[in-house]
Amino acid sequence: MGYRVEVDFDLCESNAICMQIAPEVFEVRDDDFLYILAEEPGGDLRAQVEESVQRCPKQAISIAEG
């Protein structure tokens, strides 16, 4: 069963902690906005995505199972 990365962009401050943890999934660009590069990343990235969820200071990132 897969999962999907979700970001509440109203909460996100684009501080790039998630990008440091999972650069294959998250990217903060020159416009200072966060972009999700892989909304449904593979299982090999699950640990990094979970760490990004835990370490997000605004708790803007979540995982939707499905």
PDB file of N, CA and C in Angstrom:
ATOM      1  N   MET A   1       0.846  -1.188   0.000  1.00  0.00           N
ATOM      2  CA  MET A   1       0.000   0.000   0.000  1.00  0.00           C
ATOM      3  C   MET A   1       0.885   1.242   0.000  1.00  0.00           C
ATOM      4  N   GLY A   2       0.570   2.209  -0.852  1.00  0.00           N
ATOM      5  CA  GLY A   2       1.372   3.415  -0.977  1.00  0.00           C
ATOM      6  C   GLY A   2       0.958   4.502  -0.008  1.00  0.00           C
ATOM      7  N   TYR A   3       1.611   5.612  -0.131  1.00  0.00           N
ATOM      8  CA  TYR A   3       1.312   6.775   0.700  1.00  0.00           C
ATOM      9  C   TYR A   3       1.533   8.029  -0.135  1.00  0.00           C
ATOM     10  N   ARG A   4       0.984   9.134   0.358  1.00  0.00           N
ATOM     11  CA  ARG A   4       1.082  10.410  -0.339  1.00  0.00           C
ATOM     12  C   ARG A   4       1.561  11.483   0.648  1.00  0.00           C
ATOM     13  N   VAL A   5       2.442  12.336   0.195  1.00  0.00           N
ATOM     14  CA  VAL A   5       2.932  13.447   1.006  1.00  0.00           C
ATOM     15  C   VAL A   5       1.979  14.617   0.827  1.00  0.00           C
ATOM     16  N   GLU A   6       1.578  15.210   1.943  1.00  0.00           N
ATOM     17  CA  GLU A   6       0.711  16.386   1.895  1.00  0.00           C
ATOM     18  C   GLU A   6       1.349  17.510   2.698  1.00  0.00           C
ATOM     19  N   VAL A   7       1.200  18.728   2.194  1.00  0.00           N
ATOM     20  CA  VAL A   7       1.739  19.904   2.869  1.00  0.00           C
ATOM     21  C   VAL A   7       0.620  20.931   3.005  1.00  0.00           C
ATOM     22  N   ASP A   8       0.464  21.460   4.203  1.00  0.00           N
ATOM     23  CA  ASP A   8      -0.452  22.573   4.424  1.00  0.00           C
ATOM     24  C   ASP A   8       0.338  23.854   4.137  1.00  0.00           C
ATOM     25  N   PHE A   9       0.160  24.380   2.948  1.00  0.00           N
ATOM     26  CA  PHE A   9       0.954  25.534   2.531  1.00  0.00           C
ATOM     27  C   PHE A   9       0.590  26.803   3.295  1.00  0.00           C
ATOM     28  N   ASP A  10      -0.545  26.815   3.996  1.00  0.00           N
ATOM     29  CA  ASP A  10      -0.881  27.957   4.849  1.00  0.00           C
ATOM     30  C   ASP A  10      -0.001  27.980   6.096  1.00  0.00           C
ATOM     31  N   LEU A  11       0.457  26.803   6.524  1.00  0.00           N
ATOM     32  CA  LEU A  11       1.331  26.701   7.698  1.00  0.00           C
ATOM     33  C   LEU A  11       2.812  26.752   7.335  1.00  0.00           C
ATOM     34  N   CYS A  12       3.152  26.275   6.148  1.00  0.00           N
ATOM     35  CA  CYS A  12       4.550  26.123   5.740  1.00  0.00           C
ATOM     36  C   CYS A  12       5.268  27.470   5.693  1.00  0.00           C
ATOM     37  N   GLU A  13       6.474  27.506   6.292  1.00  0.00           N
ATOM     38  CA  GLU A  13       7.309  28.702   6.270  1.00  0.00           C
ATOM     39  C   GLU A  13       8.491  28.555   5.321  1.00  0.00           C
ATOM     40  N   SER A  14       8.544  27.461   4.576  1.00  0.00           N
ATOM     41  CA  SER A  14       9.624  27.201   3.615  1.00  0.00           C
ATOM     42  C   SER A  14      11.000  27.334   4.247  1.00  0.00           C
ATOM     43  N   ASN A  15      11.166  26.752   5.433  1.00  0.00           N
ATOM     44  CA  ASN A  15      12.456  26.834   6.117  1.00  0.00           C
ATOM     45  C   ASN A  15      13.449  25.785   5.640  1.00  0.00           C
ATOM     46  N   ALA A  16      13.015  24.865   4.790  1.00  0.00           N
ATOM     47  CA  ALA A  16      13.877  23.909   4.070  1.00  0.00           C
ATOM     48  C   ALA A  16      14.454  22.786   4.921  1.00  0.00           C
ATOM     49  N   ILE A  17      13.974  22.609   6.129  1.00  0.00           N
ATOM     50  CA  ILE A  17      14.432  21.464   6.918  1.00  0.00           C
ATOM     51  C   ILE A  17      14.061  20.169   6.202  1.00  0.00           C
ATOM     52  N   CYS A  18      12.853  20.096   5.670  1.00  0.00           N
ATOM     53  CA  CYS A  18      12.425  18.902   4.948  1.00  0.00           C
ATOM     54  C   CYS A  18      13.289  18.648   3.723  1.00  0.00           C
ATOM     55  N   MET A  19      13.695  19.713   3.056  1.00  0.00           N
ATOM     56  CA  MET A  19      14.532  19.571   1.869  1.00  0.00           C
ATOM     57  C   MET A  19      15.904  19.017   2.245  1.00  0.00           C
ATOM     58  N   GLN A  20      16.418  19.399   3.398  1.00  0.00           N
ATOM     59  CA  GLN A  20      17.704  18.878   3.860  1.00  0.00           C
ATOM     60  C   GLN A  20      17.601  17.385   4.157  1.00  0.00           C
ATOM     61  N   ILE A  21      16.456  16.954   4.660  1.00  0.00           N
ATOM     62  CA  ILE A  21      16.253  15.555   5.022  1.00  0.00           C
ATOM     63  C   ILE A  21      15.925  14.703   3.798  1.00  0.00           C
ATOM     64  N   ALA A  22      15.057  15.196   2.929  1.00  0.00           N
ATOM     65  CA  ALA A  22      14.573  14.428   1.775  1.00  0.00           C
ATOM     66  C   ALA A  22      14.575  15.287   0.511  1.00  0.00           C
ATOM     67  N   PRO A  23      15.757  15.564  -0.048  1.00  0.00           N
ATOM     68  CA  PRO A  23      15.833  16.429  -1.232  1.00  0.00           C
ATOM     69  C   PRO A  23      15.181  15.826  -2.473  1.00  0.00           C
ATOM     70  N   GLU A  24      14.941  14.514  -2.467  1.00  0.00           N
ATOM     71  CA  GLU A  24      14.266  13.885  -3.592  1.00  0.00           C
ATOM     72  C   GLU A  24      12.763  14.165  -3.576  1.00  0.00           C
ATOM     73  N   VAL A  25      12.271  14.611  -2.414  1.00  0.00           N
ATOM     74  CA  VAL A  25      10.827  14.812  -2.224  1.00  0.00           C
ATOM     75  C   VAL A  25      10.471  16.293  -2.132  1.00  0.00           C
ATOM     76  N   PHE A  26      11.313  17.086  -1.468  1.00  0.00           N
ATOM     77  CA  PHE A  26      11.003  18.491  -1.201  1.00  0.00           C
ATOM     78  C   PHE A  26      12.074  19.404  -1.786  1.00  0.00           C
ATOM     79  N   GLU A  27      11.618  20.584  -2.241  1.00  0.00           N
ATOM     80  CA  GLU A  27      12.564  21.575  -2.743  1.00  0.00           C
ATOM     81  C   GLU A  27      12.030  22.970  -2.453  1.00  0.00           C
ATOM     82  N   VAL A  28      12.882  23.802  -1.853  1.00  0.00           N
ATOM     83  CA  VAL A  28      12.573  25.225  -1.692  1.00  0.00           C
ATOM     84  C   VAL A  28      13.365  25.945  -2.769  1.00  0.00           C
ATOM     85  N   ARG A  29      12.658  26.630  -3.639  1.00  0.00           N
ATOM     86  CA  ARG A  29      13.279  27.285  -4.786  1.00  0.00           C
ATOM     87  C   ARG A  29      13.610  28.740  -4.487  1.00  0.00           C
ATOM     88  N   ASP A  30      14.181  29.395  -5.461  1.00  0.00           N
ATOM     89  CA  ASP A  30      14.601  30.788  -5.301  1.00  0.00           C
ATOM     90  C   ASP A  30      13.453  31.725  -4.966  1.00  0.00           C
ATOM     91  N   ASP A  31      12.222  31.305  -5.269  1.00  0.00           N
ATOM     92  CA  ASP A  31      11.064  32.143  -4.936  1.00  0.00           C
ATOM     93  C   ASP A  31      10.622  31.961  -3.482  1.00  0.00           C
ATOM     94  N   ASP A  32      11.389  31.172  -2.711  1.00  0.00           N
ATOM     95  CA  ASP A  32      11.134  30.903  -1.288  1.00  0.00           C
ATOM     96  C   ASP A  32       9.833  30.146  -1.037  1.00  0.00           C
ATOM     97  N   PHE A  33       9.388  29.362  -1.998  1.00  0.00           N
ATOM     98  CA  PHE A  33       8.225  28.498  -1.812  1.00  0.00           C
ATOM     99  C   PHE A  33       8.673  27.041  -1.847  1.00  0.00           C
ATOM    100  N   LEU A  34       7.991  26.233  -1.047  1.00  0.00           N
ATOM    101  CA  LEU A  34       8.249  24.796  -1.015  1.00  0.00           C
ATOM    102  C   LEU A  34       7.502  24.114  -2.147  1.00  0.00           C
ATOM    103  N   TYR A  35       8.174  23.204  -2.824  1.00  0.00           N
ATOM    104  CA  TYR A  35       7.571  22.393  -3.874  1.00  0.00           C
ATOM    105  C   TYR A  35       7.726  20.928  -3.511  1.00  0.00           C
ATOM    106  N   ILE A  36       6.690  20.145  -3.765  1.00  0.00           N
ATOM    107  CA  ILE A  36       6.757  18.703  -3.565  1.00  0.00           C
ATOM    108  C   ILE A  36       7.183  18.097  -4.894  1.00  0.00           C
ATOM    109  N   LEU A  37       8.344  17.474  -4.910  1.00  0.00           N
ATOM    110  CA  LEU A  37       8.877  16.889  -6.134  1.00  0.00           C
ATOM    111  C   LEU A  37       8.296  15.504  -6.396  1.00  0.00           C
ATOM    112  N   ALA A  38       7.924  14.813  -5.324  1.00  0.00           N
ATOM    113  CA  ALA A  38       7.369  13.459  -5.454  1.00  0.00           C
ATOM    114  C   ALA A  38       6.220  13.325  -4.454  1.00  0.00           C
ATOM    115  N   GLU A  39       4.990  13.485  -4.929  1.00  0.00           N
ATOM    116  CA  GLU A  39       3.836  13.395  -4.025  1.00  0.00           C
ATOM    117  C   GLU A  39       3.603  11.979  -3.526  1.00  0.00           C
ATOM    118  N   GLU A  40       4.030  10.992  -4.314  1.00  0.00           N
ATOM    119  CA  GLU A  40       3.887   9.589  -3.910  1.00  0.00           C
ATOM    120  C   GLU A  40       5.251   8.909  -4.006  1.00  0.00           C
ATOM    121  N   PRO A  41       6.163   9.268  -3.086  1.00  0.00           N
ATOM    122  CA  PRO A  41       7.508   8.694  -3.147  1.00  0.00           C
ATOM    123  C   PRO A  41       7.485   7.207  -2.811  1.00  0.00           C
ATOM    124  N   GLY A  42       8.497   6.519  -3.251  1.00  0.00           N
ATOM    125  CA  GLY A  42       8.586   5.087  -3.000  1.00  0.00           C
ATOM    126  C   GLY A  42       8.875   4.769  -1.533  1.00  0.00           C
ATOM    127  N   GLY A  43       8.742   3.514  -1.235  1.00  0.00           N
ATOM    128  CA  GLY A  43       8.983   3.049   0.128  1.00  0.00           C
ATOM    129  C   GLY A  43      10.402   3.287   0.602  1.00  0.00           C
ATOM    130  N   ASP A  44      11.344   3.382  -0.337  1.00  0.00           N
ATOM    131  CA  ASP A  44      12.736   3.617   0.040  1.00  0.00           C
ATOM    132  C   ASP A  44      12.944   5.008   0.636  1.00  0.00           C
ATOM    133  N   LEU A  45      12.003   5.919   0.419  1.00  0.00           N
ATOM    134  CA  LEU A  45      12.105   7.279   0.972  1.00  0.00           C
ATOM    135  C   LEU A  45      11.212   7.483   2.188  1.00  0.00           C
ATOM    136  N   ARG A  46      10.497   6.451   2.593  1.00  0.00           N
ATOM    137  CA  ARG A  46       9.518   6.580   3.688  1.00  0.00           C
ATOM    138  C   ARG A  46      10.158   7.108   4.975  1.00  0.00           C
ATOM    139  N   ALA A  47      11.318   6.583   5.336  1.00  0.00           N
ATOM    140  CA  ALA A  47      11.968   7.016   6.586  1.00  0.00           C
ATOM    141  C   ALA A  47      12.304   8.506   6.551  1.00  0.00           C
ATOM    142  N   GLN A  48      12.794   8.996   5.407  1.00  0.00           N
ATOM    143  CA  GLN A  48      13.124  10.417   5.296  1.00  0.00           C
ATOM    144  C   GLN A  48      11.866  11.279   5.345  1.00  0.00           C
ATOM    145  N   VAL A  49      10.784  10.812   4.710  1.00  0.00           N
ATOM    146  CA  VAL A  49       9.534  11.566   4.739  1.00  0.00           C
ATOM    147  C   VAL A  49       8.998  11.627   6.168  1.00  0.00           C
ATOM    148  N   GLU A  50       9.041  10.499   6.877  1.00  0.00           N
ATOM    149  CA  GLU A  50       8.569  10.483   8.263  1.00  0.00           C
ATOM    150  C   GLU A  50       9.398  11.415   9.135  1.00  0.00           C
ATOM    151  N   GLU A  51      10.720  11.451   8.913  1.00  0.00           N
ATOM    152  CA  GLU A  51      11.571  12.367   9.674  1.00  0.00           C
ATOM    153  C   GLU A  51      11.218  13.821   9.342  1.00  0.00           C
ATOM    154  N   SER A  52      10.908  14.090   8.077  1.00  0.00           N
ATOM    155  CA  SER A  52      10.504  15.444   7.680  1.00  0.00           C
ATOM    156  C   SER A  52       9.216  15.855   8.385  1.00  0.00           C
ATOM    157  N   VAL A  53       8.271  14.927   8.484  1.00  0.00           N
ATOM    158  CA  VAL A  53       7.019  15.196   9.197  1.00  0.00           C
ATOM    159  C   VAL A  53       7.319  15.549  10.649  1.00  0.00           C
ATOM    160  N   GLN A  54       8.167  14.760  11.288  1.00  0.00           N
ATOM    161  CA  GLN A  54       8.473  14.961  12.705  1.00  0.00           C
ATOM    162  C   GLN A  54       9.246  16.242  12.968  1.00  0.00           C
ATOM    163  N   ARG A  55      10.137  16.612  12.059  1.00  0.00           N
ATOM    164  CA  ARG A  55      11.020  17.752  12.298  1.00  0.00           C
ATOM    165  C   ARG A  55      10.511  19.072  11.751  1.00  0.00           C
ATOM    166  N   CYS A  56       9.393  19.061  11.033  1.00  0.00           N
ATOM    167  CA  CYS A  56       8.843  20.312  10.515  1.00  0.00           C
ATOM    168  C   CYS A  56       8.419  21.198  11.688  1.00  0.00           C
ATOM    169  N   PRO A  57       9.010  22.381  11.836  1.00  0.00           N
ATOM    170  CA  PRO A  57       8.692  23.225  12.994  1.00  0.00           C
ATOM    171  C   PRO A  57       7.245  23.730  13.013  1.00  0.00           C
ATOM    172  N   LYS A  58       6.606  23.800  11.860  1.00  0.00           N
ATOM    173  CA  LYS A  58       5.223  24.263  11.792  1.00  0.00           C
ATOM    174  C   LYS A  58       4.223  23.117  11.668  1.00  0.00           C
ATOM    175  N   GLN A  59       4.722  21.875  11.668  1.00  0.00           N
ATOM    176  CA  GLN A  59       3.884  20.684  11.517  1.00  0.00           C
ATOM    177  C   GLN A  59       2.976  20.800  10.281  1.00  0.00           C
ATOM    178  N   ALA A  60       3.586  21.251   9.189  1.00  0.00           N
ATOM    179  CA  ALA A  60       2.841  21.482   7.951  1.00  0.00           C
ATOM    180  C   ALA A  60       2.810  20.253   7.033  1.00  0.00           C
ATOM    181  N   ILE A  61       3.653  19.260   7.338  1.00  0.00           N
ATOM    182  CA  ILE A  61       3.779  18.081   6.479  1.00  0.00           C
ATOM    183  C   ILE A  61       3.056  16.904   7.120  1.00  0.00           C
ATOM    184  N   SER A  62       2.353  16.141   6.290  1.00  0.00           N
ATOM    185  CA  SER A  62       1.692  14.936   6.790  1.00  0.00           C
ATOM    186  C   SER A  62       1.774  13.845   5.732  1.00  0.00           C
ATOM    187  N   ILE A  63       1.467  12.622   6.172  1.00  0.00           N
ATOM    188  CA  ILE A  63       1.449  11.459   5.292  1.00  0.00           C
ATOM    189  C   ILE A  63       0.023  10.945   5.234  1.00  0.00           C
ATOM    190  N   ALA A  64      -0.475  10.767   4.018  1.00  0.00           N
ATOM    191  CA  ALA A  64      -1.813  10.185   3.817  1.00  0.00           C
ATOM    192  C   ALA A  64      -1.611   8.765   3.302  1.00  0.00           C
ATOM    193  N   GLU A  65      -2.099   7.817   4.044  1.00  0.00           N
ATOM    194  CA  GLU A  65      -1.986   6.424   3.621  1.00  0.00           C
ATOM    195  C   GLU A  65      -2.972   6.141   2.511  1.00  0.00           C
ATOM    196  N   GLY A  66      -2.565   5.283   1.604  1.00  0.00           N
ATOM    197  CA  GLY A  66      -3.544   4.963   0.600  1.00  0.00           C
ATOM    198  C   GLY A  66      -2.978   4.359  -0.592  1.00  0.00           C
TER     199      GLY A  66
END
